[in-house]
Amino acid sequence: MEKITALLEKYEDFKYAQMRWIEEISDSSKVITIVVQDDDGEDLSSVKVTFTGIKEERILVNSVLGYLDMGFGVSMIKEHGLFGFALGSGTAMLHVRSAPLYIISTGITIEEV
């Protein structure tokens, strides 16, 4: 969880970033690509978040991801042995389950590209 917390701090919870792509690897595994941009809209860095052992999810189609309001960024939490990822800011699994886009999984890996 320390790596997740450090990543959220580094990219300011991905506020105003862009969620570009959600790739389905299998029924229980997905990869989300988030891109951080500068003030001119140029890509600065990309982060791929891989979820394994997905227990619950509310996923949107890729064609609408560019229209998401990322003003509140994303939340990544760990509670009761599960990882929660959600659009918006929050600190509990209750927030995750009420978000318009979320994933709850048993495993998470992060790759800065």
Protein backbone atom coordinates (compact mmCIF):
# COMPACT_ATOMS: atom_id res chain seq x y z
CA MET A 1 0.00 0.00 0.00
CA GLU A 2 2.99 2.31 0.50
CA LYS A 3 3.70 2.30 -3.24
CA ILE A 4 0.08 3.19 -3.96
CA THR A 5 0.10 6.04 -1.45
CA ALA A 6 3.38 7.39 -2.87
CA LEU A 7 1.98 7.21 -6.40
CA LEU A 8 -1.18 9.09 -5.41
CA GLU A 9 0.92 11.77 -3.73
CA LYS A 10 3.29 12.04 -6.70
CA TYR A 11 0.44 12.58 -9.18
CA GLU A 12 -1.86 14.48 -6.78
CA ASP A 13 -4.50 11.70 -6.84
CA PHE A 14 -4.55 11.98 -10.66
CA LYS A 15 -6.65 15.14 -10.46
CA TYR A 16 -7.29 16.43 -13.96
CA ALA A 17 -5.49 13.44 -15.51
CA GLN A 18 -7.15 11.37 -18.24
CA MET A 19 -8.31 7.82 -17.97
CA ARG A 20 -7.49 6.55 -21.45
CA TRP A 21 -8.17 2.85 -21.65
CA ILE A 22 -9.56 -0.11 -19.75
CA GLU A 23 -8.29 -3.39 -21.12
CA GLU A 24 -9.91 -6.67 -20.14
CA ILE A 25 -7.27 -9.36 -19.70
CA SER A 26 -9.77 -11.92 -18.39
CA ASP A 27 -13.06 -11.95 -16.46
CA SER A 28 -11.15 -11.30 -13.24
CA SER A 29 -8.28 -9.13 -14.51
CA LYS A 30 -8.24 -5.64 -16.05
CA VAL A 31 -5.68 -2.91 -16.79
CA ILE A 32 -6.53 0.80 -16.55
CA THR A 33 -4.24 3.33 -18.24
CA ILE A 34 -4.18 6.85 -16.75
CA VAL A 35 -2.27 9.68 -18.43
CA VAL A 36 -1.00 12.82 -16.69
CA GLN A 37 -0.78 15.88 -18.93
CA ASP A 38 0.78 19.32 -18.72
CA ASP A 39 -1.16 22.59 -19.01
CA ASP A 40 -0.93 22.45 -22.81
CA GLY A 41 -2.47 18.98 -22.98
CA GLU A 42 0.78 17.18 -23.78
CA ASP A 43 1.22 13.75 -22.21
CA LEU A 44 3.83 13.78 -19.43
CA SER A 45 3.56 10.26 -18.08
CA SER A 46 1.35 7.20 -18.11
CA VAL A 47 0.47 4.81 -15.34
CA LYS A 48 -0.97 1.33 -15.86
CA VAL A 49 -2.88 -0.13 -12.94
CA THR A 50 -3.49 -3.88 -13.20
CA PHE A 51 -6.22 -5.46 -11.11
CA THR A 52 -6.31 -9.20 -10.48
CA GLY A 53 -8.91 -11.24 -8.67
CA ILE A 54 -11.70 -8.74 -9.39
CA LYS A 55 -14.62 -9.24 -7.02
CA GLU A 56 -16.86 -6.31 -8.06
CA GLU A 57 -16.72 -3.67 -10.76
CA ARG A 58 -18.60 -0.91 -12.50
CA ILE A 59 -16.76 -0.24 -15.72
CA LEU A 60 -17.59 2.25 -18.46
CA VAL A 61 -16.92 1.73 -22.15
CA ASN A 62 -13.63 3.16 -23.39
CA SER A 63 -15.32 5.66 -25.71
CA VAL A 64 -16.66 7.69 -22.74
CA LEU A 65 -13.52 7.67 -20.57
CA GLY A 66 -12.21 10.91 -22.11
CA TYR A 67 -15.35 12.72 -20.93
CA LEU A 68 -15.03 11.76 -17.25
CA ASP A 69 -14.64 14.61 -14.79
CA MET A 70 -11.29 13.87 -13.19
CA GLY A 71 -11.34 17.05 -11.08
CA PHE A 72 -11.46 14.99 -7.89
CA GLY A 73 -8.98 12.41 -9.16
CA VAL A 74 -9.15 8.78 -8.11
CA SER A 75 -9.09 6.84 -4.86
CA MET A 76 -7.12 3.68 -4.20
CA ILE A 77 -7.70 2.09 -0.82
CA LYS A 78 -7.11 -1.21 0.94
CA GLU A 79 -9.75 -2.48 3.31
CA HIS A 80 -10.33 -6.02 4.66
CA GLY A 81 -7.72 -7.50 2.32
CA LEU A 82 -9.30 -5.99 -0.81
CA PHE A 83 -8.12 -3.12 -2.98
CA GLY A 84 -10.63 -0.52 -4.07
CA PHE A 85 -10.14 1.81 -7.02
CA ALA A 86 -12.72 4.50 -7.74
CA LEU A 87 -13.29 7.72 -9.59
CA GLY A 88 -13.39 10.61 -7.11
CA SER A 89 -11.94 11.16 -3.68
CA GLY A 90 -12.76 8.89 -0.77
CA THR A 91 -11.21 6.90 2.01
CA ALA A 92 -13.53 3.92 2.50
CA MET A 93 -14.99 1.03 0.50
CA LEU A 94 -18.41 2.68 0.87
CA HIS A 95 -17.18 5.49 -1.40
CA VAL A 96 -15.76 2.98 -3.87
CA ARG A 97 -19.06 1.14 -4.27
CA SER A 98 -20.97 4.38 -4.86
CA ALA A 99 -18.60 5.77 -7.53
CA PRO A 100 -19.62 5.87 -11.21
CA LEU A 101 -16.52 3.78 -12.07
CA TYR A 102 -14.92 1.35 -9.65
CA ILE A 103 -13.04 -1.93 -9.28
CA ILE A 104 -12.64 -4.03 -6.13
CA SER A 105 -9.97 -6.72 -6.38
CA THR A 106 -7.65 -8.95 -4.37
CA GLY A 107 -4.51 -7.78 -6.16
CA ILE A 108 -3.16 -4.62 -7.73
CA THR A 109 0.09 -3.80 -9.51
CA ILE A 110 1.23 -0.41 -10.78
CA GLU A 111 3.58 0.33 -13.65
CA GLU A 112 4.76 3.82 -14.58
CA VAL A 113 5.38 3.90 -18.31
